[in-house]
Amino acid sequence: GTASGTAAVNGITATPSTWALGRVPLNVAVRPTWTIQNDATDEVTIGEPHAQVNEGCCPGAFTLQGSDTLTPGSEAELTFELSMHPGMDGAHDMTVHVPIQRADGTTDTLTLNVAGNFRD
């Protein structure tokens, strides 16, 4: 697939902001990955990501490699698995919402995108 862009909210970035997976064969697992970095001056906590399904179905579980608490200058990798079987073929489009909790109790949300066409 093709990765592009950077999502940013109050000093927290996610690269890429968009994964365009293109055509993906059925029964093949793909794992879009985003690097979340804290360029702010305060520590933040990455909350539980949520996939909003715009088209298609069935996002996998999210995995965070690294700590969910990011000190200034640190980063973590977020990934999840997509694998479609016959009957789930076709276009898939998802918006991934990643809550970022700040020390003062406020929450920002990184918005990421992933799309692909799953078919043989």
Protein backbone atom coordinates (compact mmCIF):
# COMPACT_ATOMS: atom_id res chain seq x y z
CA GLY A 1 0.00 0.00 0.00
CA THR A 2 0.85 3.66 -0.11
CA ALA A 3 1.34 5.71 3.04
CA SER A 4 0.91 9.48 2.99
CA GLY A 5 0.50 12.53 5.18
CA THR A 6 0.83 13.29 8.85
CA ALA A 7 -2.01 13.77 11.32
CA ALA A 8 -1.34 16.30 14.09
CA VAL A 9 -3.15 17.59 17.14
CA ASN A 10 -1.56 19.90 19.74
CA GLY A 11 2.00 18.63 19.31
CA ILE A 12 1.16 14.95 18.87
CA THR A 13 1.71 13.50 15.40
CA ALA A 14 0.87 10.25 13.65
CA THR A 15 2.69 9.24 10.50
CA PRO A 16 1.26 8.39 8.07
CA SER A 17 -2.22 9.84 8.36
CA THR A 18 -3.50 7.68 5.49
CA TRP A 19 -2.91 4.15 4.24
CA ALA A 20 -4.18 3.46 0.71
CA LEU A 21 -3.73 -0.31 0.56
CA GLY A 22 -4.91 -0.73 -3.03
CA ARG A 23 -5.91 -4.21 -4.09
CA VAL A 24 -5.35 -6.84 -1.41
CA PRO A 25 -5.89 -10.57 -2.08
CA LEU A 26 -8.44 -12.36 0.09
CA ASN A 27 -7.05 -14.38 3.02
CA VAL A 28 -3.89 -12.25 3.14
CA ALA A 29 -3.20 -10.26 6.31
CA VAL A 30 -2.03 -6.66 6.00
CA ARG A 31 -0.94 -4.57 8.98
CA PRO A 32 -1.16 -0.80 8.57
CA THR A 33 1.22 0.83 11.05
CA TRP A 34 1.37 4.40 12.36
CA THR A 35 4.13 6.04 14.39
CA ILE A 36 2.69 8.28 17.10
CA GLN A 37 5.14 10.85 18.43
CA ASN A 38 4.92 13.35 21.27
CA ASP A 39 6.49 16.62 20.14
CA ALA A 40 4.64 18.53 22.86
CA THR A 41 6.13 19.66 26.18
CA ASP A 42 3.84 17.53 28.39
CA GLU A 43 3.42 13.81 28.90
CA VAL A 44 0.34 12.29 27.19
CA THR A 45 -1.42 8.93 27.28
CA ILE A 46 -2.66 7.13 24.18
CA GLY A 47 -6.22 5.91 24.74
CA GLU A 48 -8.02 2.97 23.17
CA PRO A 49 -8.18 3.41 19.37
CA HIS A 50 -11.55 2.95 17.67
CA ALA A 51 -12.15 2.10 14.00
CA GLN A 52 -15.17 3.76 12.41
CA VAL A 53 -16.20 1.58 9.46
CA ASN A 54 -17.25 3.83 6.57
CA GLU A 55 -17.45 0.99 4.04
CA GLY A 56 -16.83 -2.74 4.38
CA CYS A 57 -16.44 -4.48 7.71
CA CYS A 58 -14.36 -6.15 10.34
CA PRO A 59 -11.32 -4.22 11.54
CA GLY A 60 -8.95 -6.28 13.67
CA ALA A 61 -7.74 -5.54 17.17
CA PHE A 62 -5.28 -2.67 17.65
CA THR A 63 -1.79 -3.28 19.02
CA LEU A 64 0.41 -0.61 20.54
CA GLN A 65 4.14 -1.32 20.53
CA GLY A 66 5.82 0.79 23.14
CA SER A 67 4.30 2.51 26.13
CA ASP A 68 0.85 4.09 26.02
CA THR A 69 2.38 6.96 28.01
CA LEU A 70 4.51 9.23 25.84
CA THR A 71 6.94 11.61 27.44
CA PRO A 72 8.07 14.59 25.35
CA GLY A 73 10.12 13.32 22.39
CA SER A 74 9.05 9.68 22.69
CA GLU A 75 7.01 7.60 20.27
CA ALA A 76 5.06 4.35 19.92
CA GLU A 77 3.78 2.30 17.00
CA LEU A 78 0.11 1.54 16.47
CA THR A 79 -0.96 -1.29 14.16
CA PHE A 80 -3.89 -3.53 13.43
CA GLU A 81 -4.51 -6.48 11.17
CA LEU A 82 -6.91 -6.57 8.25
CA SER A 83 -7.64 -9.89 6.55
CA MET A 84 -10.78 -10.54 4.55
CA HIS A 85 -12.12 -13.91 3.41
CA PRO A 86 -14.61 -14.74 0.63
CA GLY A 87 -17.90 -13.03 1.41
CA MET A 88 -16.06 -10.02 2.86
CA ASP A 89 -14.57 -8.96 -0.46
CA GLY A 90 -14.83 -5.48 -1.89
CA ALA A 91 -13.96 -1.96 -0.85
CA HIS A 92 -13.12 -1.24 2.78
CA ASP A 93 -12.71 2.26 4.20
CA MET A 94 -12.10 3.03 7.88
CA THR A 95 -11.41 6.10 9.96
CA VAL A 96 -9.31 5.34 13.03
CA HIS A 97 -9.84 7.62 16.04
CA VAL A 98 -6.97 7.65 18.56
CA PRO A 99 -7.71 9.53 21.80
CA ILE A 100 -4.81 11.41 23.35
CA GLN A 101 -5.27 12.15 27.06
CA ARG A 102 -3.40 15.14 28.46
CA ALA A 103 -2.20 15.62 32.05
CA ASP A 104 -4.82 18.35 32.59
CA GLY A 105 -7.61 15.85 31.80
CA THR A 106 -8.44 17.13 28.32
CA THR A 107 -8.57 14.74 25.38
CA ASP A 108 -7.55 15.34 21.78
CA THR A 109 -8.18 12.87 18.95
CA LEU A 110 -5.84 11.87 16.14
CA THR A 111 -7.83 10.93 13.03
CA LEU A 112 -6.24 8.36 10.70
CA ASN A 113 -7.52 6.64 7.56
CA VAL A 114 -7.09 3.25 5.91
CA ALA A 115 -8.75 1.94 2.75
CA GLY A 116 -8.29 -1.04 0.47
CA ASN A 117 -10.03 -3.22 -2.09
CA PHE A 118 -10.00 -6.82 -0.88
CA ARG A 119 -10.57 -9.30 -3.69
CA ASP A 120 -8.93 -12.12 -5.62
